[in-house]
Amino acid sequence: MTAGQGGEGGRAGQDPSQGWQGPPPQQGWQAPPQGWQAPPPYGYAPAPSAQGPAPQAAPPRPDSVRFGVGAFIANLVLGLVGAVVTFTSMDSLIDAELAGSGVELSEDALQAALLAGAIIGLLFVALEALFIWFAWNGRNWARIVLFVLGALGIIGGLSAMAQPTTGFLTALSICQMLLAIAGVVLLARRESSEWYRTMGWRRSAGLR
């Protein structure tokens, strides 16, 4: 056999599958790994995470609280009117006291007693205004203080009906007594108590 035939036989004996192969794959783009996230577009920050639920607003005042506090405010205004009348009609009040009481009292002693009562009344009016403000804002302790002041007002109204004062001051005392009764009853209702309890819970939780 000649060399040419051997060369041809060698080429003829090669496996056709071992023929020409294409070029190896280039080291180009590869798929991103699992879990990879595309960056946000240029100039845009990622969206903020959702916030928790907003705190609930304070419950509205029930009508019993609004009208109950309003009754104490009206009682306060009538107390101021009574103090002004007492100061402006001091002489007539002294004459009425001297004529109606069977006890021998000097005019100076009666005047001092009336002035002291009027000044004490003004102090109570100032304190009552402070307690009314706190009770309007849901302070339960202020509501309890208003209960005490209302009870004192009821006692004062009953005692004023038995005293020989002018008819106008007596009518004022009776109106104040009725307003105190209305204020105490309204603020003592169940819906009022529930509202004050809720407001106390909100303050303890740091809410307003």
Protein backbone atom coordinates (compact mmCIF):
# COMPACT_ATOMS: atom_id res chain seq x y z
CA MET A 1 0.00 0.00 0.00
CA THR A 2 1.39 3.39 -0.84
CA ALA A 3 1.82 6.28 1.52
CA GLY A 4 -0.91 8.20 -0.22
CA GLN A 5 -3.28 5.39 0.24
CA GLY A 6 -2.30 5.10 3.87
CA GLY A 7 -2.93 8.77 4.42
CA GLU A 8 -6.27 8.56 2.78
CA GLY A 9 -7.10 5.46 4.74
CA GLY A 10 -6.11 7.24 7.94
CA ARG A 11 -8.39 10.13 7.16
CA ALA A 12 -11.09 7.76 6.04
CA GLY A 13 -10.88 5.84 9.29
CA GLN A 14 -11.55 8.89 11.48
CA ASP A 15 -14.83 9.18 13.33
CA PRO A 16 -17.08 11.66 11.57
CA SER A 17 -18.28 12.94 14.93
CA GLN A 18 -14.75 14.10 15.67
CA GLY A 19 -14.89 16.49 12.82
CA TRP A 20 -14.92 20.29 12.99
CA GLN A 21 -16.30 21.82 16.14
CA GLY A 22 -17.40 25.36 16.55
CA PRO A 23 -15.48 27.87 18.66
CA PRO A 24 -15.82 27.62 22.42
CA PRO A 25 -18.55 29.79 23.99
CA GLN A 26 -17.43 33.29 24.81
CA GLN A 27 -17.34 34.60 28.38
CA GLY A 28 -20.22 36.99 27.82
CA TRP A 29 -23.39 37.93 29.83
CA GLN A 30 -24.48 35.50 32.50
CA ALA A 31 -27.86 35.22 34.18
CA PRO A 32 -28.02 37.01 37.53
CA PRO A 33 -27.90 34.84 40.64
CA GLN A 34 -31.11 33.84 42.36
CA GLY A 35 -32.52 36.51 44.65
CA TRP A 36 -30.88 39.39 42.82
CA GLN A 37 -32.97 42.53 42.47
CA ALA A 38 -32.49 45.22 39.91
CA PRO A 39 -31.37 48.58 41.32
CA PRO A 40 -33.89 51.43 41.25
CA PRO A 41 -33.72 53.86 38.32
CA TYR A 42 -31.26 56.67 38.62
CA GLY A 43 -32.54 59.47 40.84
CA TYR A 44 -35.28 57.43 42.56
CA ALA A 45 -34.98 56.11 46.08
CA PRO A 46 -36.60 52.85 47.06
CA ALA A 47 -40.16 53.13 48.28
CA PRO A 48 -40.44 53.52 52.08
CA SER A 49 -41.84 50.70 54.08
CA ALA A 50 -45.44 50.95 55.20
CA GLN A 51 -45.94 52.62 58.58
CA GLY A 52 -47.97 51.15 61.38
CA PRO A 53 -51.61 52.09 61.91
CA ALA A 54 -52.18 55.68 62.95
CA PRO A 55 -53.43 56.22 66.52
CA GLN A 56 -57.15 56.62 66.81
CA ALA A 57 -58.52 60.08 67.47
CA ALA A 58 -59.94 60.96 70.86
CA PRO A 59 -63.60 60.02 71.25
CA PRO A 60 -66.03 62.95 71.06
CA ARG A 61 -67.53 64.27 74.26
CA PRO A 62 -70.96 62.80 74.91
CA ASP A 63 -73.89 65.15 75.37
CA SER A 64 -74.02 64.35 79.08
CA VAL A 65 -70.48 65.71 79.53
CA ARG A 66 -71.09 68.81 77.42
CA PHE A 67 -74.37 69.71 79.12
CA GLY A 68 -73.09 68.74 82.56
CA VAL A 69 -70.05 70.99 82.27
CA GLY A 70 -72.29 73.66 80.77
CA ALA A 71 -74.52 73.51 83.85
CA PHE A 72 -71.51 74.11 86.09
CA ILE A 73 -70.43 77.02 83.88
CA ALA A 74 -73.89 78.59 84.21
CA ASN A 75 -73.68 78.03 87.96
CA LEU A 76 -70.34 79.82 87.93
CA VAL A 77 -71.76 82.82 86.05
CA LEU A 78 -74.68 83.13 88.48
CA GLY A 79 -72.21 83.01 91.36
CA LEU A 80 -70.34 85.97 89.88
CA VAL A 81 -73.60 87.86 89.44
CA GLY A 82 -74.51 87.18 93.06
CA ALA A 83 -71.11 88.43 94.27
CA VAL A 84 -71.51 91.67 92.29
CA VAL A 85 -75.01 92.21 93.69
CA THR A 86 -73.74 91.58 97.21
CA PHE A 87 -71.01 94.21 96.89
CA THR A 88 -73.25 96.81 95.27
CA SER A 89 -76.22 96.44 97.64
CA MET A 90 -74.38 96.01 100.91
CA ASP A 91 -76.47 98.56 102.86
CA SER A 92 -79.82 97.04 101.92
CA LEU A 93 -78.57 93.57 102.80
CA ILE A 94 -77.42 94.76 106.20
CA ASP A 95 -80.80 96.37 106.88
CA ALA A 96 -82.58 93.17 105.86
CA GLU A 97 -80.39 91.10 108.14
CA LEU A 98 -80.90 93.44 111.09
CA ALA A 99 -84.66 93.49 110.58
CA GLY A 100 -85.07 89.76 110.04
CA SER A 101 -82.77 88.32 112.71
CA GLY A 102 -83.72 88.33 116.35
CA VAL A 103 -80.08 88.43 117.46
CA GLU A 104 -78.53 91.72 118.46
CA LEU A 105 -75.72 92.30 115.95
CA SER A 106 -73.84 95.44 115.14
CA GLU A 107 -73.86 96.86 111.65
CA ASP A 108 -70.08 96.56 111.39
CA ALA A 109 -70.19 92.86 112.31
CA LEU A 110 -72.83 92.17 109.67
CA GLN A 111 -70.89 94.08 107.05
CA ALA A 112 -67.72 92.14 107.85
CA ALA A 113 -69.61 88.84 107.67
CA LEU A 114 -71.16 89.71 104.30
CA LEU A 115 -67.81 90.82 102.89
CA ALA A 116 -66.11 87.65 104.09
CA GLY A 117 -68.84 85.53 102.55
CA ALA A 118 -68.56 87.36 99.23
CA ILE A 119 -64.76 87.02 99.14
CA ILE A 120 -64.93 83.32 99.98
CA GLY A 121 -67.54 82.95 97.26
CA LEU A 122 -65.21 84.57 94.71
CA LEU A 123 -62.39 82.20 95.72
CA PHE A 124 -64.70 79.24 95.20
CA VAL A 125 -65.69 80.66 91.83
CA ALA A 126 -62.03 80.84 90.75
CA LEU A 127 -61.37 77.27 91.91
CA GLU A 128 -64.54 76.03 90.27
CA ALA A 129 -63.47 77.60 86.96
CA LEU A 130 -60.18 75.71 87.17
CA PHE A 131 -61.90 72.42 87.92
CA ILE A 132 -64.40 72.98 85.11
CA TRP A 133 -61.53 73.42 82.65
CA PHE A 134 -59.89 70.16 83.71
CA ALA A 135 -63.21 68.30 83.69
CA TRP A 136 -63.89 69.55 80.15
CA ASN A 137 -60.54 68.07 79.08
CA GLY A 138 -61.35 64.62 80.46
CA ARG A 139 -59.77 64.69 83.94
CA ASN A 140 -61.78 62.36 86.11
CA TRP A 141 -60.43 63.80 89.37
CA ALA A 142 -61.81 67.22 88.35
CA ARG A 143 -65.22 65.63 87.77
CA ILE A 144 -65.13 64.22 91.32
CA VAL A 145 -64.24 67.67 92.68
CA LEU A 146 -67.21 69.12 90.79
CA PHE A 147 -69.39 66.52 92.48
CA VAL A 148 -68.22 67.85 95.87
CA LEU A 149 -68.71 71.47 94.84
CA GLY A 150 -72.14 70.64 93.48
CA ALA A 151 -73.14 69.05 96.78
CA LEU A 152 -71.94 72.16 98.62
CA GLY A 153 -73.92 74.32 96.20
CA ILE A 154 -77.06 72.30 96.86
CA ILE A 155 -76.61 72.72 100.61
CA GLY A 156 -75.94 76.44 100.13
CA GLY A 157 -79.07 76.84 98.02
CA LEU A 158 -81.21 75.14 100.67
CA SER A 159 -79.77 77.33 103.41
CA ALA A 160 -80.22 80.50 101.34
CA MET A 161 -83.93 79.79 101.06
CA ALA A 162 -84.21 80.03 104.85
CA GLN A 163 -82.26 83.29 105.17
CA PRO A 164 -83.89 86.74 105.06
CA THR A 165 -82.03 87.99 102.00
CA THR A 166 -83.35 89.89 99.03
CA GLY A 167 -85.62 88.12 96.62
CA PHE A 168 -83.12 88.42 93.77
CA LEU A 169 -80.29 86.74 95.67
CA THR A 170 -82.64 84.02 96.86
CA ALA A 171 -83.74 83.35 93.28
CA LEU A 172 -80.08 83.22 92.23
CA SER A 173 -79.31 80.70 94.97
CA ILE A 174 -82.23 78.49 93.90
CA CYS A 175 -81.11 78.62 90.25
CA GLN A 176 -77.57 77.73 91.26
CA MET A 177 -78.86 74.80 93.29
CA LEU A 178 -80.87 73.47 90.34
CA LEU A 179 -77.90 73.86 88.00
CA ALA A 180 -75.64 72.04 90.45
CA ILE A 181 -78.12 69.17 90.65
CA ALA A 182 -78.29 68.98 86.84
CA GLY A 183 -74.51 69.09 86.50
CA VAL A 184 -73.93 66.33 89.04
CA VAL A 185 -76.60 64.07 87.51
CA LEU A 186 -75.31 64.54 83.94
CA LEU A 187 -71.66 63.99 84.79
CA ALA A 188 -72.56 60.89 86.80
CA ARG A 189 -74.27 59.17 83.87
CA ARG A 190 -72.79 55.98 82.44
CA GLU A 191 -71.73 57.50 79.11
CA SER A 192 -69.92 60.26 80.98
CA SER A 193 -68.09 57.73 83.15
CA GLU A 194 -67.08 55.69 80.10
CA TRP A 195 -65.75 58.78 78.33
CA TYR A 196 -63.65 59.82 81.34
CA ARG A 197 -62.35 56.25 81.65
CA THR A 198 -61.34 56.25 77.97
CA MET A 199 -59.61 59.61 78.27
CA GLY A 200 -57.68 58.38 81.29
CA TRP A 201 -56.56 55.30 79.38
CA ARG A 202 -55.39 57.45 76.46
CA ARG A 203 -53.29 59.65 78.73
CA SER A 204 -51.69 56.62 80.36
CA ALA A 205 -50.85 55.28 76.87
CA GLY A 206 -49.26 58.59 75.84
CA LEU A 207 -52.08 59.58 73.48
CA ARG A 208 -54.03 62.81 73.35
